[in-house]
Structures are given as structure tokens and as C-alpha cells.
Amino acid sequence: MELESKLKIYYLTAIFSVVFAVIGFSYNAWRMEITEDNNNIRTASFEVLLVLAELEQLIYSAHYDKDVVEGNPRKGWVKVGLIVDLSSLIGKSAQERSQKLKTAWKNNWEIMGDSRDATDLLVGEIEFVRREIKLTLKELE
């Protein structure tokens, strides 16, 4: 009888160890996936923030300096496209704000050099995208 009880304890210990290992492995895999997602969001966010600053500088160069090289709208289209593409990695709200920036750019790029209202609108849209990115970064686990 003593051997039988020892075997039961051994089997229960083995089963408990396997269950504990599976739970630990599952949690570790889940945590690594969340960490990787957060890392991707952070990387995309920082890149978008840099491109937003470049776009803002381009707008100021076009409007205030009347610099056709630094304020070239074709460069702006590339930057806006990159912002929209990378925003899809950040989150839905950042992606939606980026689409609004793209729409504002589409409607105002031709007049931003001469129109203070167009310049202010575009800079305001840039700030909205920045705000969404910052909120997303604060909410990461």
C-alpha cells in the first residue's frame, strides 16, 4: 500500500509539473507577443513623430520662406504617405487622424504657400496626429 500511495504522489506531482510548465510557457509566449506588439507600436510612433516634424518644417518653408526646394509639395506627398502607412501599425485612432491629415493635405497643398489658413489647418492636423500618437504610447502595457 505504501508503494501505491507513493506512486499516486509521484503521478500527481508529475501532472502538476506539466500543467504548471504549460501555463508558464503559455503566459511567457503571450507576454512576448504583447511586448513585440508594443515595440512595433513604439518604433512606428517615433518614426511618424519624426516625419510629422519634417512635414511641419516643409509647410513652414513653403509658407513663410517661400522656399520651393525645402517646401516642395512632392516631398510633402511622400511624407504624408509614409505617415498614413506607418500609422496603421500604431492604432485605429492614429490611422484615422492620419487619413484626415492626408485629406487636408490633398485639399490644401497647392495653396499652403500663399494661404495662412491652409498653413494653420495643416499644422493643426499634424498636431492632432501627434496627440493621438502620444495617447497611444501612454496606453501601452
C-alpha atoms as a PDB file:
ATOM      1  CA  MET A   1       0.000   0.000   0.000  1.00  0.00           C
ATOM      2  CA  GLU A   2       2.839   2.342   0.699  1.00  0.00           C
ATOM      3  CA  LEU A   3       4.214   1.896  -2.824  1.00  0.00           C
ATOM      4  CA  GLU A   4       0.786   2.644  -4.275  1.00  0.00           C
ATOM      5  CA  SER A   5       0.468   5.932  -2.329  1.00  0.00           C
ATOM      6  CA  LYS A   6       3.999   6.922  -3.340  1.00  0.00           C
ATOM      7  CA  LEU A   7       3.118   6.307  -6.992  1.00  0.00           C
ATOM      8  CA  LYS A   8      -0.037   8.412  -6.658  1.00  0.00           C
ATOM      9  CA  ILE A   9       2.009  11.264  -5.166  1.00  0.00           C
ATOM     10  CA  TYR A  10       4.584  10.841  -7.925  1.00  0.00           C
ATOM     11  CA  TYR A  11       1.923  10.924 -10.659  1.00  0.00           C
ATOM     12  CA  LEU A  12       0.168  13.921  -9.128  1.00  0.00           C
ATOM     13  CA  THR A  13       3.488  15.732  -8.872  1.00  0.00           C
ATOM     14  CA  ALA A  14       4.302  14.905 -12.485  1.00  0.00           C
ATOM     15  CA  ILE A  15       0.861  16.051 -13.688  1.00  0.00           C
ATOM     16  CA  PHE A  16       1.094  19.242 -11.619  1.00  0.00           C
ATOM     17  CA  SER A  17       4.575  19.947 -13.025  1.00  0.00           C
ATOM     18  CA  VAL A  18       3.395  19.506 -16.608  1.00  0.00           C
ATOM     19  CA  VAL A  19       0.344  21.727 -16.043  1.00  0.00           C
ATOM     20  CA  PHE A  20       2.481  24.363 -14.351  1.00  0.00           C
ATOM     21  CA  ALA A  21       5.031  24.238 -17.210  1.00  0.00           C
ATOM     22  CA  VAL A  22       2.296  24.598 -19.857  1.00  0.00           C
ATOM     23  CA  ILE A  23       0.719  27.538 -18.031  1.00  0.00           C
ATOM     24  CA  GLY A  24       4.115  29.192 -17.597  1.00  0.00           C
ATOM     25  CA  PHE A  25       5.025  28.661 -21.227  1.00  0.00           C
ATOM     26  CA  SER A  26       1.655  29.988 -22.397  1.00  0.00           C
ATOM     27  CA  TYR A  27       1.966  33.118 -20.270  1.00  0.00           C
ATOM     28  CA  ASN A  28       5.530  33.684 -21.447  1.00  0.00           C
ATOM     29  CA  ALA A  29       4.526  33.336 -25.114  1.00  0.00           C
ATOM     30  CA  TRP A  30       1.575  35.713 -24.624  1.00  0.00           C
ATOM     31  CA  ARG A  31       3.756  38.254 -22.802  1.00  0.00           C
ATOM     32  CA  MET A  32       6.417  38.113 -25.531  1.00  0.00           C
ATOM     33  CA  GLU A  33       3.761  38.716 -28.184  1.00  0.00           C
ATOM     34  CA  ILE A  34       2.410  41.766 -26.305  1.00  0.00           C
ATOM     35  CA  THR A  35       5.937  43.076 -25.815  1.00  0.00           C
ATOM     36  CA  GLU A  36       6.690  42.686 -29.522  1.00  0.00           C
ATOM     37  CA  ASP A  37       3.451  44.454 -30.478  1.00  0.00           C
ATOM     38  CA  ASN A  38       4.256  47.306 -28.099  1.00  0.00           C
ATOM     39  CA  ASN A  39       7.767  47.549 -29.502  1.00  0.00           C
ATOM     40  CA  ASN A  40       6.399  47.774 -33.054  1.00  0.00           C
ATOM     41  CA  ILE A  41       3.945  50.468 -31.992  1.00  0.00           C
ATOM     42  CA  ARG A  42       6.699  52.461 -30.273  1.00  0.00           C
ATOM     43  CA  THR A  43       9.048  52.206 -33.244  1.00  0.00           C
ATOM     44  CA  ALA A  44       6.350  53.252 -35.722  1.00  0.00           C
ATOM     45  CA  SER A  45       5.238  56.064 -33.399  1.00  0.00           C
ATOM     46  CA  PHE A  46       8.695  57.561 -33.093  1.00  0.00           C
ATOM     47  CA  GLU A  47       9.202  57.368 -36.835  1.00  0.00           C
ATOM     48  CA  VAL A  48       5.858  59.064 -37.510  1.00  0.00           C
ATOM     49  CA  LEU A  49       6.671  61.800 -34.994  1.00  0.00           C
ATOM     50  CA  LEU A  50       9.917  62.478 -36.868  1.00  0.00           C
ATOM     51  CA  VAL A  51       8.165  62.592 -40.232  1.00  0.00           C
ATOM     52  CA  LEU A  52       5.463  64.874 -38.813  1.00  0.00           C
ATOM     53  CA  ALA A  53       8.168  67.310 -37.720  1.00  0.00           C
ATOM     54  CA  GLU A  54       9.703  67.169 -41.194  1.00  0.00           C
ATOM     55  CA  LEU A  55       6.315  67.812 -42.785  1.00  0.00           C
ATOM     56  CA  GLU A  56       5.690  70.741 -40.469  1.00  0.00           C
ATOM     57  CA  GLN A  57       9.100  72.195 -41.413  1.00  0.00           C
ATOM     58  CA  LEU A  58       8.237  71.726 -45.089  1.00  0.00           C
ATOM     59  CA  ILE A  59       4.959  73.613 -44.617  1.00  0.00           C
ATOM     60  CA  TYR A  60       6.706  76.465 -42.811  1.00  0.00           C
ATOM     61  CA  SER A  61       9.383  76.622 -45.523  1.00  0.00           C
ATOM     62  CA  ALA A  62       6.732  76.796 -48.223  1.00  0.00           C
ATOM     63  CA  HIS A  63       4.599  79.401 -46.480  1.00  0.00           C
ATOM     64  CA  TYR A  64       6.947  81.670 -44.570  1.00  0.00           C
ATOM     65  CA  ASP A  65      10.198  81.320 -46.510  1.00  0.00           C
ATOM     66  CA  LYS A  66       8.627  80.819 -49.947  1.00  0.00           C
ATOM     67  CA  ASP A  67      11.334  78.188 -50.457  1.00  0.00           C
ATOM     68  CA  VAL A  68      10.330  75.997 -53.393  1.00  0.00           C
ATOM     69  CA  VAL A  69      13.079  73.472 -52.663  1.00  0.00           C
ATOM     70  CA  GLU A  70      12.587  72.885 -48.917  1.00  0.00           C
ATOM     71  CA  GLY A  71       8.849  73.499 -49.227  1.00  0.00           C
ATOM     72  CA  ASN A  72       8.350  71.247 -52.225  1.00  0.00           C
ATOM     73  CA  PRO A  73       4.850  69.705 -52.102  1.00  0.00           C
ATOM     74  CA  ARG A  74       6.069  66.499 -53.783  1.00  0.00           C
ATOM     75  CA  LYS A  75       8.245  65.883 -50.738  1.00  0.00           C
ATOM     76  CA  GLY A  76       5.152  66.566 -48.661  1.00  0.00           C
ATOM     77  CA  TRP A  77       3.147  63.938 -50.530  1.00  0.00           C
ATOM     78  CA  VAL A  78       5.838  61.364 -49.779  1.00  0.00           C
ATOM     79  CA  LYS A  79       5.880  62.313 -46.090  1.00  0.00           C
ATOM     80  CA  VAL A  80       2.082  62.243 -45.822  1.00  0.00           C
ATOM     81  CA  GLY A  81       2.016  58.825 -47.497  1.00  0.00           C
ATOM     82  CA  LEU A  82       4.621  57.495 -45.064  1.00  0.00           C
ATOM     83  CA  ILE A  83       2.673  58.896 -42.119  1.00  0.00           C
ATOM     84  CA  VAL A  84      -0.512  57.170 -43.275  1.00  0.00           C
ATOM     85  CA  ASP A  85       1.294  53.879 -43.902  1.00  0.00           C
ATOM     86  CA  LEU A  86       3.074  53.780 -40.545  1.00  0.00           C
ATOM     87  CA  SER A  87       0.002  54.937 -38.634  1.00  0.00           C
ATOM     88  CA  SER A  88      -1.694  51.663 -39.478  1.00  0.00           C
ATOM     89  CA  LEU A  89       0.888  49.994 -37.198  1.00  0.00           C
ATOM     90  CA  ILE A  90       0.148  52.372 -34.322  1.00  0.00           C
ATOM     91  CA  GLY A  91      -3.582  52.047 -33.926  1.00  0.00           C
ATOM     92  CA  LYS A  92      -7.005  52.827 -35.299  1.00  0.00           C
ATOM     93  CA  SER A  93      -7.265  56.359 -33.879  1.00  0.00           C
ATOM     94  CA  ALA A  94      -3.827  57.355 -35.177  1.00  0.00           C
ATOM     95  CA  GLN A  95      -4.688  55.864 -38.547  1.00  0.00           C
ATOM     96  CA  GLU A  96      -7.949  57.828 -38.710  1.00  0.00           C
ATOM     97  CA  ARG A  97      -6.187  61.080 -37.777  1.00  0.00           C
ATOM     98  CA  SER A  98      -3.536  60.413 -40.398  1.00  0.00           C
ATOM     99  CA  GLN A  99      -6.236  59.952 -43.017  1.00  0.00           C
ATOM    100  CA  LYS A 100      -7.682  63.330 -42.018  1.00  0.00           C
ATOM    101  CA  LEU A 101      -4.219  64.851 -42.376  1.00  0.00           C
ATOM    102  CA  LYS A 102      -3.952  63.294 -45.841  1.00  0.00           C
ATOM    103  CA  THR A 103      -7.330  64.745 -46.808  1.00  0.00           C
ATOM    104  CA  ALA A 104      -6.331  68.175 -45.506  1.00  0.00           C
ATOM    105  CA  TRP A 105      -3.039  67.927 -47.412  1.00  0.00           C
ATOM    106  CA  LYS A 106      -4.878  66.890 -50.584  1.00  0.00           C
ATOM    107  CA  ASN A 107      -7.167  69.912 -50.311  1.00  0.00           C
ATOM    108  CA  ASN A 108      -4.541  72.483 -49.310  1.00  0.00           C
ATOM    109  CA  TRP A 109      -1.094  71.597 -50.638  1.00  0.00           C
ATOM    110  CA  GLU A 110      -1.470  73.875 -53.651  1.00  0.00           C
ATOM    111  CA  ILE A 111      -2.367  76.941 -51.595  1.00  0.00           C
ATOM    112  CA  MET A 112      -0.288  76.431 -48.430  1.00  0.00           C
ATOM    113  CA  GLY A 113       2.455  78.714 -49.737  1.00  0.00           C
ATOM    114  CA  ASP A 114       0.081  81.668 -50.037  1.00  0.00           C
ATOM    115  CA  SER A 115      -2.708  80.933 -47.552  1.00  0.00           C
ATOM    116  CA  ARG A 116      -2.221  81.369 -43.826  1.00  0.00           C
ATOM    117  CA  ASP A 117      -5.494  79.490 -43.225  1.00  0.00           C
ATOM    118  CA  ALA A 118      -4.268  76.483 -45.222  1.00  0.00           C
ATOM    119  CA  THR A 119      -0.961  76.532 -43.329  1.00  0.00           C
ATOM    120  CA  ASP A 120      -2.720  76.736 -39.968  1.00  0.00           C
ATOM    121  CA  LEU A 121      -5.117  73.935 -40.937  1.00  0.00           C
ATOM    122  CA  LEU A 122      -2.287  71.622 -41.975  1.00  0.00           C
ATOM    123  CA  VAL A 123      -0.225  72.353 -38.863  1.00  0.00           C
ATOM    124  CA  GLY A 124      -3.355  71.765 -36.761  1.00  0.00           C
ATOM    125  CA  GLU A 125      -3.891  68.371 -38.403  1.00  0.00           C
ATOM    126  CA  ILE A 126      -0.269  67.486 -37.718  1.00  0.00           C
ATOM    127  CA  GLU A 127      -0.820  68.347 -34.062  1.00  0.00           C
ATOM    128  CA  PHE A 128      -3.930  66.138 -33.927  1.00  0.00           C
ATOM    129  CA  VAL A 129      -1.912  63.185 -35.248  1.00  0.00           C
ATOM    130  CA  ARG A 130       0.819  63.886 -32.684  1.00  0.00           C
ATOM    131  CA  ARG A 131      -1.739  63.940 -29.903  1.00  0.00           C
ATOM    132  CA  GLU A 132      -3.208  60.581 -30.936  1.00  0.00           C
ATOM    133  CA  ILE A 133       0.234  59.017 -31.086  1.00  0.00           C
ATOM    134  CA  LYS A 134       1.121  60.312 -27.631  1.00  0.00           C
ATOM    135  CA  LEU A 135      -2.140  58.973 -26.211  1.00  0.00           C
ATOM    136  CA  THR A 136      -1.483  55.584 -27.793  1.00  0.00           C
ATOM    137  CA  LEU A 137       2.032  55.471 -26.339  1.00  0.00           C
ATOM    138  CA  LYS A 138       0.706  56.268 -22.857  1.00  0.00           C
ATOM    139  CA  GLU A 139      -1.795  53.406 -23.059  1.00  0.00           C
ATOM    140  CA  LEU A 140       0.763  50.685 -23.849  1.00  0.00           C
ATOM    141  CA  GLU A 141       1.039  47.842 -21.337  1.00  0.00           C
END
